[in-house]
Amino acid sequence: MKHGYFITGTGTDVGKTFVTAALARHARSLGQRVFAFKPIETGCLPGQLGSDQQTLVAAAGGWQSGPLAGVYQLAPPVAPSVAALAANVEISFPTILEALSTGSEPADLTLVEGAGGWRVPISDTLDMSDLARACGFPILVVATATLGTINHSLLTAEAIERDGQTIAGIILSQRPDDDVALVESNLEQLRARWSGPVITLAGDPSVLDRFVR
């Protein structure tokens, strides 16, 4: 299997794109070719890439275009299943996986960013966990670094492991105005309660070394 990750979050607006872009830039700084891909994005302007995918394309070096720069861009800022229904679009896993295969072929590192969290619906019968399984990569969980993150992170980790999928790590996305003492406390609490790697990403990309080989 190609080296890569599926990046999920404990919810919406927790920093998935920030973390995914940081991983892409760090890998490129080490001489790697990166494919950074958000196959489904909602809240997009008609006929344009969403802002998250634009960020990922730039972080990966600007070489991606067409379906390699995102397969589905849906206007309503809601769950993919709801947005697709409103747009009369059927989201196809084979179409996503074809773009993933093409984009990952020349890449040293492939990063697939999900939309929202682990149980966000994609259709009546499929959700982000199903897309992650289809992509075949270990999971990186992104969470906020402050209040609420212990509960949200542990519940997400439990759900992923219950689904039989592998978690590569939990990354707390620290924002400039976050309380540093609270962030450190949350980091300690999560490390005491979950056995895998838990790190905080603020500005120094070297903390991502363990995920870029």
N, C-alpha and C. Protein backbone atom coordinates (compact mmCIF):
# COMPACT_ATOMS: atom_id res chain seq x y z
N MET A 1 0.84 -1.20 0.00
CA MET A 1 0.00 0.00 0.00
C MET A 1 0.87 1.24 0.00
N LYS A 2 0.48 2.25 -0.73
CA LYS A 2 1.14 3.54 -0.70
C LYS A 2 1.08 4.13 0.70
N HIS A 3 2.09 4.95 1.02
CA HIS A 3 2.10 5.61 2.32
C HIS A 3 1.10 6.76 2.30
N GLY A 4 0.21 6.77 3.28
CA GLY A 4 -0.77 7.85 3.32
C GLY A 4 -1.64 7.77 4.56
N TYR A 5 -2.54 8.75 4.66
CA TYR A 5 -3.46 8.83 5.79
C TYR A 5 -4.81 9.33 5.31
N PHE A 6 -5.84 8.90 6.03
CA PHE A 6 -7.16 9.50 5.91
C PHE A 6 -7.32 10.39 7.13
N ILE A 7 -7.57 11.68 6.89
CA ILE A 7 -7.66 12.64 7.99
C ILE A 7 -9.12 12.91 8.30
N THR A 8 -9.54 12.54 9.49
CA THR A 8 -10.89 12.82 9.94
C THR A 8 -10.83 13.78 11.12
N GLY A 9 -11.99 14.26 11.53
CA GLY A 9 -12.04 15.19 12.65
C GLY A 9 -13.04 14.77 13.69
N THR A 10 -12.97 15.41 14.84
CA THR A 10 -13.96 15.17 15.88
C THR A 10 -15.23 15.97 15.62
N GLY A 11 -15.22 16.74 14.54
CA GLY A 11 -16.37 17.54 14.15
C GLY A 11 -15.98 18.46 13.01
N THR A 12 -16.81 19.47 12.78
CA THR A 12 -16.55 20.44 11.73
C THR A 12 -15.74 21.61 12.30
N ASP A 13 -14.86 22.14 11.47
CA ASP A 13 -14.06 23.32 11.84
C ASP A 13 -13.16 23.05 13.05
N VAL A 14 -12.53 21.88 13.05
CA VAL A 14 -11.60 21.55 14.14
C VAL A 14 -10.15 21.67 13.72
N GLY A 15 -9.91 21.95 12.43
CA GLY A 15 -8.54 22.13 11.96
C GLY A 15 -8.02 21.05 11.03
N LYS A 16 -8.90 20.26 10.42
CA LYS A 16 -8.45 19.19 9.53
C LYS A 16 -7.60 19.73 8.38
N THR A 17 -8.07 20.79 7.74
CA THR A 17 -7.33 21.33 6.60
C THR A 17 -6.01 21.94 7.04
N PHE A 18 -5.99 22.60 8.18
CA PHE A 18 -4.75 23.15 8.74
C PHE A 18 -3.72 22.04 8.93
N VAL A 19 -4.14 20.93 9.51
CA VAL A 19 -3.23 19.81 9.77
C VAL A 19 -2.81 19.13 8.47
N THR A 20 -3.78 18.89 7.58
CA THR A 20 -3.46 18.22 6.32
C THR A 20 -2.48 19.04 5.50
N ALA A 21 -2.71 20.35 5.42
CA ALA A 21 -1.81 21.22 4.68
C ALA A 21 -0.43 21.26 5.32
N ALA A 22 -0.38 21.27 6.65
CA ALA A 22 0.92 21.27 7.34
C ALA A 22 1.69 19.99 7.05
N LEU A 23 0.99 18.86 7.05
CA LEU A 23 1.63 17.59 6.69
C LEU A 23 2.18 17.63 5.27
N ALA A 24 1.38 18.17 4.36
CA ALA A 24 1.82 18.24 2.96
C ALA A 24 3.06 19.11 2.81
N ARG A 25 3.04 20.28 3.42
CA ARG A 25 4.19 21.19 3.31
C ARG A 25 5.44 20.59 3.96
N HIS A 26 5.25 19.93 5.10
CA HIS A 26 6.40 19.34 5.80
C HIS A 26 7.01 18.21 4.96
N ALA A 27 6.16 17.36 4.40
CA ALA A 27 6.67 16.28 3.56
C ALA A 27 7.42 16.83 2.34
N ARG A 28 6.89 17.88 1.75
CA ARG A 28 7.57 18.49 0.60
C ARG A 28 8.91 19.10 0.99
N SER A 29 8.98 19.66 2.19
CA SER A 29 10.24 20.24 2.65
C SER A 29 11.31 19.17 2.82
N LEU A 30 10.87 17.91 2.96
CA LEU A 30 11.79 16.78 3.09
C LEU A 30 12.03 16.09 1.75
N GLY A 31 11.55 16.73 0.69
CA GLY A 31 11.82 16.22 -0.66
C GLY A 31 10.81 15.22 -1.19
N GLN A 32 9.66 15.11 -0.54
CA GLN A 32 8.66 14.14 -0.97
C GLN A 32 7.63 14.79 -1.91
N ARG A 33 7.10 13.98 -2.80
CA ARG A 33 5.99 14.40 -3.65
C ARG A 33 4.70 14.04 -2.92
N VAL A 34 3.78 14.99 -2.84
CA VAL A 34 2.58 14.83 -2.03
C VAL A 34 1.33 14.97 -2.89
N PHE A 35 0.38 14.09 -2.64
CA PHE A 35 -0.97 14.21 -3.19
C PHE A 35 -1.90 14.50 -2.04
N ALA A 36 -2.46 15.70 -1.98
CA ALA A 36 -3.36 16.12 -0.90
C ALA A 36 -4.75 16.34 -1.50
N PHE A 37 -5.74 15.62 -0.99
CA PHE A 37 -6.98 15.40 -1.72
C PHE A 37 -8.17 15.47 -0.77
N LYS A 38 -9.12 16.35 -1.05
CA LYS A 38 -10.39 16.35 -0.33
C LYS A 38 -11.47 16.01 -1.35
N PRO A 39 -11.85 14.75 -1.46
CA PRO A 39 -12.72 14.33 -2.56
C PRO A 39 -14.12 14.92 -2.52
N ILE A 40 -14.62 15.21 -1.32
CA ILE A 40 -15.97 15.77 -1.18
C ILE A 40 -15.89 17.03 -0.33
N GLU A 41 -16.34 18.15 -0.89
CA GLU A 41 -16.37 19.38 -0.11
C GLU A 41 -17.70 20.08 -0.34
N THR A 42 -18.31 20.51 0.74
CA THR A 42 -19.56 21.25 0.65
C THR A 42 -19.31 22.72 0.99
N GLY A 43 -20.32 23.54 0.75
CA GLY A 43 -20.17 24.97 0.99
C GLY A 43 -19.31 25.65 -0.06
N CYS A 44 -19.30 25.12 -1.27
CA CYS A 44 -18.45 25.65 -2.35
C CYS A 44 -19.25 26.62 -3.23
N LEU A 45 -18.57 27.60 -3.78
CA LEU A 45 -19.19 28.47 -4.76
C LEU A 45 -19.38 27.69 -6.06
N PRO A 46 -20.49 27.89 -6.76
CA PRO A 46 -20.75 27.13 -7.99
C PRO A 46 -19.60 27.25 -8.98
N GLY A 47 -19.15 26.09 -9.46
CA GLY A 47 -18.11 26.06 -10.49
C GLY A 47 -16.71 26.30 -9.98
N GLN A 48 -16.52 26.36 -8.66
CA GLN A 48 -15.20 26.63 -8.12
C GLN A 48 -14.79 25.56 -7.11
N LEU A 49 -13.48 25.37 -6.98
CA LEU A 49 -12.99 24.52 -5.93
C LEU A 49 -13.32 25.14 -4.58
N GLY A 50 -13.56 24.29 -3.61
CA GLY A 50 -13.76 24.79 -2.27
C GLY A 50 -12.47 25.33 -1.69
N SER A 51 -12.59 26.15 -0.67
CA SER A 51 -11.40 26.78 -0.09
C SER A 51 -10.47 25.75 0.55
N ASP A 52 -11.03 24.67 1.11
CA ASP A 52 -10.17 23.65 1.71
C ASP A 52 -9.30 22.98 0.65
N GLN A 53 -9.92 22.59 -0.47
CA GLN A 53 -9.15 21.92 -1.51
C GLN A 53 -8.13 22.87 -2.15
N GLN A 54 -8.48 24.14 -2.29
CA GLN A 54 -7.51 25.10 -2.80
C GLN A 54 -6.28 25.15 -1.88
N THR A 55 -6.52 25.14 -0.57
CA THR A 55 -5.41 25.14 0.38
C THR A 55 -4.56 23.89 0.23
N LEU A 56 -5.20 22.75 0.06
CA LEU A 56 -4.46 21.49 -0.07
C LEU A 56 -3.66 21.43 -1.36
N VAL A 57 -4.25 21.89 -2.44
CA VAL A 57 -3.53 21.90 -3.73
C VAL A 57 -2.27 22.75 -3.62
N ALA A 58 -2.41 23.93 -3.02
CA ALA A 58 -1.25 24.81 -2.86
C ALA A 58 -0.19 24.16 -1.96
N ALA A 59 -0.63 23.53 -0.87
CA ALA A 59 0.31 22.91 0.06
C ALA A 59 1.06 21.75 -0.59
N ALA A 60 0.40 21.06 -1.52
CA ALA A 60 1.03 19.93 -2.21
C ALA A 60 1.91 20.36 -3.36
N GLY A 61 1.95 21.65 -3.66
CA GLY A 61 2.85 22.13 -4.70
C GLY A 61 2.16 22.63 -5.96
N GLY A 62 0.81 22.61 -5.97
CA GLY A 62 0.07 23.21 -7.07
C GLY A 62 -0.01 22.38 -8.33
N TRP A 63 0.34 21.10 -8.27
CA TRP A 63 0.36 20.28 -9.49
C TRP A 63 -0.98 19.61 -9.80
N GLN A 64 -1.91 19.59 -8.85
CA GLN A 64 -3.16 18.86 -9.04
C GLN A 64 -4.18 19.69 -9.81
N SER A 65 -4.95 19.01 -10.65
CA SER A 65 -6.01 19.67 -11.39
C SER A 65 -7.12 18.66 -11.67
N GLY A 66 -8.25 19.15 -12.19
CA GLY A 66 -9.36 18.27 -12.51
C GLY A 66 -9.82 17.50 -11.29
N PRO A 67 -10.19 16.23 -11.44
CA PRO A 67 -10.68 15.45 -10.31
C PRO A 67 -9.61 15.21 -9.24
N LEU A 68 -8.33 15.39 -9.59
CA LEU A 68 -7.27 15.24 -8.59
C LEU A 68 -7.29 16.42 -7.61
N ALA A 69 -8.02 17.46 -7.96
CA ALA A 69 -8.20 18.60 -7.06
C ALA A 69 -9.60 18.61 -6.48
N GLY A 70 -10.14 17.42 -6.24
CA GLY A 70 -11.47 17.30 -5.65
C GLY A 70 -12.49 16.83 -6.65
N VAL A 71 -13.24 15.80 -6.28
CA VAL A 71 -14.21 15.19 -7.20
C VAL A 71 -15.58 15.85 -7.10
N TYR A 72 -16.02 16.13 -5.88
CA TYR A 72 -17.36 16.69 -5.68
C TYR A 72 -17.26 18.01 -4.93
N GLN A 73 -17.74 19.07 -5.57
CA GLN A 73 -17.87 20.39 -4.93
C GLN A 73 -19.36 20.74 -4.91
N LEU A 74 -19.91 20.77 -3.71
CA LEU A 74 -21.35 20.95 -3.55
C LEU A 74 -21.62 22.26 -2.81
N ALA A 75 -22.61 23.01 -3.27
CA ALA A 75 -22.83 24.36 -2.76
C ALA A 75 -23.39 24.42 -1.34
N PRO A 76 -24.41 23.66 -0.99
CA PRO A 76 -24.96 23.83 0.36
C PRO A 76 -23.93 23.49 1.45
N PRO A 77 -23.79 24.32 2.47
CA PRO A 77 -22.82 24.06 3.54
C PRO A 77 -23.39 23.11 4.58
N VAL A 78 -23.69 21.89 4.13
CA VAL A 78 -24.32 20.89 4.99
C VAL A 78 -23.62 19.56 4.75
N ALA A 79 -24.09 18.51 5.41
CA ALA A 79 -23.51 17.18 5.24
C ALA A 79 -23.56 16.76 3.78
N PRO A 80 -22.55 16.00 3.31
CA PRO A 80 -22.51 15.61 1.90
C PRO A 80 -23.79 14.93 1.39
N SER A 81 -24.41 14.09 2.20
CA SER A 81 -25.62 13.42 1.75
C SER A 81 -26.73 14.42 1.46
N VAL A 82 -26.86 15.41 2.33
CA VAL A 82 -27.90 16.42 2.17
C VAL A 82 -27.57 17.34 0.99
N ALA A 83 -26.31 17.73 0.89
CA ALA A 83 -25.88 18.61 -0.21
C ALA A 83 -26.03 17.92 -1.56
N ALA A 84 -25.69 16.63 -1.62
CA ALA A 84 -25.81 15.89 -2.87
C ALA A 84 -27.27 15.74 -3.29
N LEU A 85 -28.13 15.49 -2.32
CA LEU A 85 -29.55 15.38 -2.63
C LEU A 85 -30.08 16.70 -3.19
N ALA A 86 -29.68 17.81 -2.57
CA ALA A 86 -30.14 19.12 -3.02
C ALA A 86 -29.63 19.44 -4.43
N ALA A 87 -28.43 18.93 -4.76
CA ALA A 87 -27.84 19.20 -6.07
C ALA A 87 -28.17 18.13 -7.10
N ASN A 88 -28.95 17.12 -6.68
CA ASN A 88 -29.31 16.01 -7.56
C ASN A 88 -28.05 15.30 -8.08
N VAL A 89 -27.11 15.07 -7.15
CA VAL A 89 -25.84 14.42 -7.47
C VAL A 89 -25.74 13.13 -6.66
N GLU A 90 -25.26 12.08 -7.29
CA GLU A 90 -25.00 10.83 -6.58
C GLU A 90 -23.49 10.69 -6.38
N ILE A 91 -23.06 10.66 -5.14
CA ILE A 91 -21.64 10.54 -4.85
C ILE A 91 -21.20 9.09 -5.07
N SER A 92 -20.21 8.90 -5.91
CA SER A 92 -19.75 7.58 -6.32
C SER A 92 -18.39 7.27 -5.72
N PHE A 93 -18.31 6.23 -4.92
CA PHE A 93 -17.01 5.81 -4.39
C PHE A 93 -16.05 5.38 -5.51
N PRO A 94 -16.48 4.60 -6.52
CA PRO A 94 -15.55 4.24 -7.58
C PRO A 94 -14.94 5.46 -8.28
N THR A 95 -15.72 6.52 -8.46
CA THR A 95 -15.18 7.73 -9.08
C THR A 95 -14.12 8.36 -8.18
N ILE A 96 -14.38 8.42 -6.89
CA ILE A 96 -13.41 8.96 -5.94
C ILE A 96 -12.15 8.11 -5.93
N LEU A 97 -12.31 6.80 -5.89
CA LEU A 97 -11.16 5.90 -5.80
C LEU A 97 -10.33 5.91 -7.07
N GLU A 98 -10.96 6.16 -8.21
CA GLU A 98 -10.20 6.28 -9.46
C GLU A 98 -9.28 7.50 -9.40
N ALA A 99 -9.82 8.64 -8.92
CA ALA A 99 -8.99 9.84 -8.78
C ALA A 99 -7.90 9.61 -7.74
N LEU A 100 -8.23 8.93 -6.66
CA LEU A 100 -7.25 8.64 -5.62
C LEU A 100 -6.12 7.77 -6.17
N SER A 101 -6.45 6.77 -6.94
CA SER A 101 -5.43 5.90 -7.52
C SER A 101 -4.51 6.67 -8.46
N THR A 102 -5.09 7.51 -9.30
CA THR A 102 -4.29 8.29 -10.25
C THR A 102 -3.39 9.27 -9.52
N GLY A 103 -3.93 9.96 -8.54
CA GLY A 103 -3.15 10.97 -7.84
C GLY A 103 -2.08 10.40 -6.94
N SER A 104 -2.35 9.25 -6.34
CA SER A 104 -1.39 8.67 -5.40
C SER A 104 -0.27 7.92 -6.10
N GLU A 105 -0.46 7.55 -7.36
CA GLU A 105 0.53 6.74 -8.06
C GLU A 105 1.92 7.38 -8.06
N PRO A 106 2.06 8.68 -8.40
CA PRO A 106 3.40 9.27 -8.39
C PRO A 106 3.82 9.85 -7.04
N ALA A 107 2.97 9.71 -6.02
CA ALA A 107 3.20 10.41 -4.75
C ALA A 107 3.96 9.53 -3.75
N ASP A 108 4.78 10.18 -2.95
CA ASP A 108 5.42 9.51 -1.82
C ASP A 108 4.48 9.49 -0.61
N LEU A 109 3.65 10.52 -0.51
CA LEU A 109 2.69 10.62 0.60
C LEU A 109 1.35 11.06 0.06
N THR A 110 0.31 10.32 0.41
CA THR A 110 -1.06 10.67 0.02
C THR A 110 -1.86 11.04 1.26
N LEU A 111 -2.55 12.17 1.16
CA LEU A 111 -3.37 12.66 2.26
C LEU A 111 -4.79 12.84 1.77
N VAL A 112 -5.74 12.14 2.38
CA VAL A 112 -7.15 12.24 2.01
C VAL A 112 -7.89 12.87 3.18
N GLU A 113 -8.45 14.04 2.95
CA GLU A 113 -9.19 14.72 4.02
C GLU A 113 -10.68 14.45 3.89
N GLY A 114 -11.27 13.97 4.95
CA GLY A 114 -12.71 13.77 4.97
C GLY A 114 -13.45 15.07 5.19
N ALA A 115 -14.76 15.00 5.12
CA ALA A 115 -15.62 16.16 5.39
C ALA A 115 -16.27 15.96 6.75
N GLY A 116 -16.08 16.92 7.64
CA GLY A 116 -16.66 16.80 8.97
C GLY A 116 -16.04 15.67 9.76
N GLY A 117 -16.87 14.93 10.50
CA GLY A 117 -16.38 13.88 11.37
C GLY A 117 -16.64 12.48 10.85
N TRP A 118 -16.37 11.50 11.71
CA TRP A 118 -16.35 10.09 11.33
C TRP A 118 -17.71 9.56 10.87
N ARG A 119 -18.78 10.07 11.43
CA ARG A 119 -20.11 9.56 11.10
C ARG A 119 -20.90 10.50 10.18
N VAL A 120 -20.26 11.44 9.57
CA VAL A 120 -20.97 12.34 8.65
C VAL A 120 -21.48 11.53 7.46
N PRO A 121 -22.78 11.61 7.16
CA PRO A 121 -23.34 10.79 6.08
C PRO A 121 -22.95 11.27 4.69
N ILE A 122 -22.69 10.31 3.83
CA ILE A 122 -22.39 10.58 2.42
C ILE A 122 -23.60 10.23 1.55
N SER A 123 -24.33 9.22 1.96
CA SER A 123 -25.55 8.82 1.27
C SER A 123 -26.48 8.22 2.32
N ASP A 124 -27.57 7.62 1.88
CA ASP A 124 -28.50 6.99 2.82
C ASP A 124 -27.87 5.82 3.56
N THR A 125 -26.84 5.22 2.96
CA THR A 125 -26.26 4.00 3.53
C THR A 125 -24.77 4.11 3.86
N LEU A 126 -24.12 5.18 3.44
CA LEU A 126 -22.66 5.30 3.61
C LEU A 126 -22.31 6.57 4.36
N ASP A 127 -21.21 6.49 5.13
CA ASP A 127 -20.72 7.69 5.80
C ASP A 127 -19.20 7.77 5.65
N MET A 128 -18.57 8.74 6.35
CA MET A 128 -17.13 8.95 6.18
C MET A 128 -16.31 7.74 6.59
N SER A 129 -16.81 6.97 7.55
CA SER A 129 -16.08 5.77 7.93
C SER A 129 -15.97 4.79 6.76
N ASP A 130 -17.01 4.72 5.95
CA ASP A 130 -16.98 3.84 4.78
C ASP A 130 -16.00 4.35 3.74
N LEU A 131 -15.94 5.66 3.56
CA LEU A 131 -14.98 6.22 2.61
C LEU A 131 -13.56 5.97 3.09
N ALA A 132 -13.32 6.13 4.38
CA ALA A 132 -11.99 5.87 4.93
C ALA A 132 -11.59 4.42 4.70
N ARG A 133 -12.51 3.51 4.93
CA ARG A 133 -12.20 2.10 4.71
C ARG A 133 -11.89 1.83 3.25
N ALA A 134 -12.65 2.44 2.36
CA ALA A 134 -12.42 2.24 0.92
C ALA A 134 -11.07 2.79 0.49
N CYS A 135 -10.63 3.88 1.11
CA CYS A 135 -9.33 4.46 0.75
C CYS A 135 -8.17 3.60 1.23
N GLY A 136 -8.36 2.93 2.36
CA GLY A 136 -7.38 1.94 2.80
C GLY A 136 -6.20 2.46 3.58
N PHE A 137 -6.25 3.70 4.05
CA PHE A 137 -5.14 4.27 4.80
C PHE A 137 -5.44 4.29 6.30
N PRO A 138 -4.39 4.29 7.13
CA PRO A 138 -4.63 4.53 8.56
C PRO A 138 -5.19 5.92 8.79
N ILE A 139 -5.80 6.11 9.94
CA ILE A 139 -6.56 7.33 10.22
C ILE A 139 -5.76 8.27 11.12
N LEU A 140 -5.78 9.55 10.77
CA LEU A 140 -5.33 10.59 11.68
C LEU A 140 -6.57 11.35 12.15
N VAL A 141 -6.71 11.46 13.45
CA VAL A 141 -7.84 12.18 14.04
C VAL A 141 -7.38 13.59 14.41
N VAL A 142 -8.09 14.59 13.91
CA VAL A 142 -7.79 15.98 14.24
C VAL A 142 -8.87 16.50 15.18
N ALA A 143 -8.42 17.18 16.24
CA ALA A 143 -9.34 17.72 17.23
C ALA A 143 -8.90 19.12 17.62
N THR A 144 -9.82 19.88 18.16
CA THR A 144 -9.42 21.16 18.75
C THR A 144 -8.54 20.87 19.97
N ALA A 145 -7.82 21.90 20.41
CA ALA A 145 -6.87 21.69 21.50
C ALA A 145 -7.41 22.10 22.86
N THR A 146 -8.61 22.67 22.89
CA THR A 146 -9.10 23.24 24.15
C THR A 146 -10.34 22.51 24.67
N LEU A 147 -11.24 23.25 25.29
CA LEU A 147 -12.35 22.67 26.04
C LEU A 147 -13.19 21.71 25.19
N GLY A 148 -13.45 20.53 25.72
CA GLY A 148 -14.27 19.53 25.05
C GLY A 148 -13.48 18.49 24.27
N THR A 149 -12.20 18.73 24.07
CA THR A 149 -11.47 17.85 23.17
C THR A 149 -11.22 16.46 23.73
N ILE A 150 -11.15 16.32 25.06
CA ILE A 150 -10.90 14.99 25.63
C ILE A 150 -12.05 14.06 25.28
N ASN A 151 -13.26 14.48 25.57
CA ASN A 151 -14.44 13.67 25.27
C ASN A 151 -14.58 13.40 23.78
N HIS A 152 -14.49 14.44 22.97
CA HIS A 152 -14.68 14.28 21.53
C HIS A 152 -13.62 13.39 20.91
N SER A 153 -12.38 13.56 21.33
CA SER A 153 -11.28 12.77 20.77
C SER A 153 -11.41 11.30 21.15
N LEU A 154 -11.72 11.03 22.42
CA LEU A 154 -11.83 9.64 22.86
C LEU A 154 -13.02 8.94 22.23
N LEU A 155 -14.14 9.64 22.10
CA LEU A 155 -15.31 9.03 21.45
C LEU A 155 -15.02 8.71 19.99
N THR A 156 -14.33 9.63 19.30
CA THR A 156 -13.99 9.38 17.90
C THR A 156 -13.04 8.21 17.78
N ALA A 157 -12.02 8.16 18.65
CA ALA A 157 -11.08 7.04 18.62
C ALA A 157 -11.79 5.72 18.89
N GLU A 158 -12.70 5.72 19.85
CA GLU A 158 -13.45 4.49 20.15
C GLU A 158 -14.26 4.03 18.94
N ALA A 159 -14.90 4.97 18.26
CA ALA A 159 -15.71 4.61 17.09
C ALA A 159 -14.85 4.03 15.97
N ILE A 160 -13.70 4.65 15.73
CA ILE A 160 -12.81 4.17 14.66
C ILE A 160 -12.30 2.77 14.99
N GLU A 161 -11.86 2.57 16.20
CA GLU A 161 -11.33 1.25 16.59
C GLU A 161 -12.45 0.21 16.61
N ARG A 162 -13.64 0.59 17.01
CA ARG A 162 -14.77 -0.34 16.98
C ARG A 162 -15.08 -0.77 15.55
N ASP A 163 -14.83 0.13 14.60
CA ASP A 163 -15.04 -0.18 13.19
C ASP A 163 -13.91 -1.03 12.61
N GLY A 164 -12.90 -1.34 13.42
CA GLY A 164 -11.81 -2.19 12.96
C GLY A 164 -10.77 -1.48 12.13
N GLN A 165 -10.74 -0.14 12.22
CA GLN A 165 -9.75 0.61 11.45
C GLN A 165 -8.62 1.09 12.36
N THR A 166 -7.49 1.39 11.73
CA THR A 166 -6.27 1.71 12.46
C THR A 166 -6.09 3.22 12.59
N ILE A 167 -5.83 3.67 13.81
CA ILE A 167 -5.56 5.09 14.05
C ILE A 167 -4.06 5.29 14.15
N ALA A 168 -3.52 6.17 13.30
CA ALA A 168 -2.09 6.47 13.34
C ALA A 168 -1.76 7.47 14.43
N GLY A 169 -2.72 8.31 14.81
CA GLY A 169 -2.48 9.29 15.86
C GLY A 169 -3.61 10.28 15.98
N ILE A 170 -3.57 11.02 17.08
CA ILE A 170 -4.50 12.13 17.32
C ILE A 170 -3.68 13.41 17.32
N ILE A 171 -4.12 14.40 16.55
CA ILE A 171 -3.42 15.67 16.46
C ILE A 171 -4.35 16.78 16.93
N LEU A 172 -3.93 17.48 17.97
CA LEU A 172 -4.67 18.63 18.47
C LEU A 172 -4.23 19.87 17.70
N SER A 173 -5.19 20.51 17.07
CA SER A 173 -4.91 21.71 16.27
C SER A 173 -4.98 22.93 17.18
N GLN A 174 -3.81 23.45 17.54
CA GLN A 174 -3.75 24.57 18.49
C GLN A 174 -3.80 25.90 17.75
N ARG A 175 -4.72 26.77 18.18
CA ARG A 175 -4.87 28.09 17.58
C ARG A 175 -4.14 29.13 18.41
N PRO A 176 -3.78 30.26 17.79
CA PRO A 176 -2.94 31.25 18.49
C PRO A 176 -3.52 31.75 19.81
N ASP A 177 -4.84 31.83 19.91
CA ASP A 177 -5.43 32.37 21.13
C ASP A 177 -5.85 31.29 22.13
N ASP A 178 -5.46 30.02 21.88
CA ASP A 178 -5.79 28.96 22.82
C ASP A 178 -4.99 29.12 24.12
N ASP A 179 -5.61 28.75 25.23
CA ASP A 179 -4.95 28.77 26.54
C ASP A 179 -3.90 27.66 26.57
N VAL A 180 -2.62 28.04 26.65
CA VAL A 180 -1.53 27.07 26.56
C VAL A 180 -1.59 26.05 27.70
N ALA A 181 -1.90 26.50 28.90
CA ALA A 181 -1.97 25.57 30.04
C ALA A 181 -3.07 24.54 29.83
N LEU A 182 -4.21 24.97 29.30
CA LEU A 182 -5.32 24.04 29.05
C LEU A 182 -4.95 23.05 27.95
N VAL A 183 -4.27 23.54 26.91
CA VAL A 183 -3.82 22.65 25.83
C VAL A 183 -2.90 21.57 26.39
N GLU A 184 -1.93 21.95 27.22
CA GLU A 184 -1.01 20.98 27.80
C GLU A 184 -1.73 19.98 28.69
N SER A 185 -2.71 20.46 29.45
CA SER A 185 -3.48 19.56 30.30
C SER A 185 -4.26 18.56 29.46
N ASN A 186 -4.90 19.03 28.38
CA ASN A 186 -5.65 18.13 27.51
C ASN A 186 -4.74 17.09 26.87
N LEU A 187 -3.55 17.52 26.48
CA LEU A 187 -2.58 16.60 25.88
C LEU A 187 -2.23 15.50 26.88
N GLU A 188 -1.96 15.87 28.11
CA GLU A 188 -1.61 14.89 29.14
C GLU A 188 -2.77 13.93 29.41
N GLN A 189 -3.97 14.47 29.49
CA GLN A 189 -5.14 13.63 29.77
C GLN A 189 -5.39 12.63 28.65
N LEU A 190 -5.25 13.08 27.42
CA LEU A 190 -5.47 12.16 26.29
C LEU A 190 -4.39 11.09 26.25
N ARG A 191 -3.17 11.47 26.50
CA ARG A 191 -2.08 10.48 26.49
C ARG A 191 -2.26 9.44 27.60
N ALA A 192 -2.89 9.84 28.69
CA ALA A 192 -3.13 8.90 29.79
C ALA A 192 -4.28 7.94 29.48
N ARG A 193 -5.13 8.32 28.53
CA ARG A 193 -6.35 7.54 28.28
C ARG A 193 -6.37 6.83 26.93
N TRP A 194 -5.43 7.16 26.06
CA TRP A 194 -5.35 6.48 24.76
C TRP A 194 -3.90 6.16 24.48
N SER A 195 -3.61 4.95 24.03
CA SER A 195 -2.24 4.46 23.99
C SER A 195 -1.44 4.89 22.76
N GLY A 196 -2.11 5.44 21.74
CA GLY A 196 -1.39 5.83 20.54
C GLY A 196 -0.77 7.21 20.65
N PRO A 197 -0.09 7.66 19.58
CA PRO A 197 0.54 8.97 19.58
C PRO A 197 -0.50 10.10 19.64
N VAL A 198 -0.28 11.04 20.55
CA VAL A 198 -1.10 12.25 20.64
C VAL A 198 -0.15 13.44 20.65
N ILE A 199 -0.31 14.36 19.70
CA ILE A 199 0.57 15.52 19.62
C ILE A 199 -0.26 16.79 19.46
N THR A 200 0.39 17.91 19.68
CA THR A 200 -0.23 19.21 19.42
C THR A 200 0.51 19.88 18.28
N LEU A 201 -0.24 20.38 17.31
CA LEU A 201 0.35 21.14 16.20
C LEU A 201 -0.05 22.59 16.36
N ALA A 202 0.94 23.43 16.54
CA ALA A 202 0.72 24.88 16.60
C ALA A 202 1.43 25.52 15.42
N GLY A 203 2.75 25.64 15.51
CA GLY A 203 3.49 26.25 14.41
C GLY A 203 4.67 25.43 13.93
N ASP A 204 5.28 24.67 14.84
CA ASP A 204 6.49 23.92 14.52
C ASP A 204 6.14 22.62 13.81
N PRO A 205 6.45 22.50 12.52
CA PRO A 205 6.06 21.30 11.78
C PRO A 205 6.88 20.07 12.13
N SER A 206 7.97 20.22 12.89
CA SER A 206 8.80 19.06 13.22
C SER A 206 8.04 18.04 14.07
N VAL A 207 6.96 18.48 14.75
CA VAL A 207 6.17 17.53 15.54
C VAL A 207 5.50 16.49 14.64
N LEU A 208 5.47 16.76 13.35
CA LEU A 208 4.82 15.85 12.39
C LEU A 208 5.80 14.80 11.84
N ASP A 209 7.05 14.84 12.29
CA ASP A 209 8.06 13.94 11.73
C ASP A 209 7.63 12.48 11.78
N ARG A 210 6.99 12.06 12.86
CA ARG A 210 6.62 10.65 13.01
C ARG A 210 5.63 10.19 11.94
N PHE A 211 4.91 11.15 11.32
CA PHE A 211 3.91 10.77 10.33
C PHE A 211 4.43 10.93 8.89
N VAL A 212 5.63 11.43 8.74
CA VAL A 212 6.22 11.66 7.41
C VAL A 212 7.50 10.87 7.35
N ARG A 213 7.55 9.87 6.49
CA ARG A 213 8.74 9.02 6.47
C ARG A 213 9.34 9.00 5.09
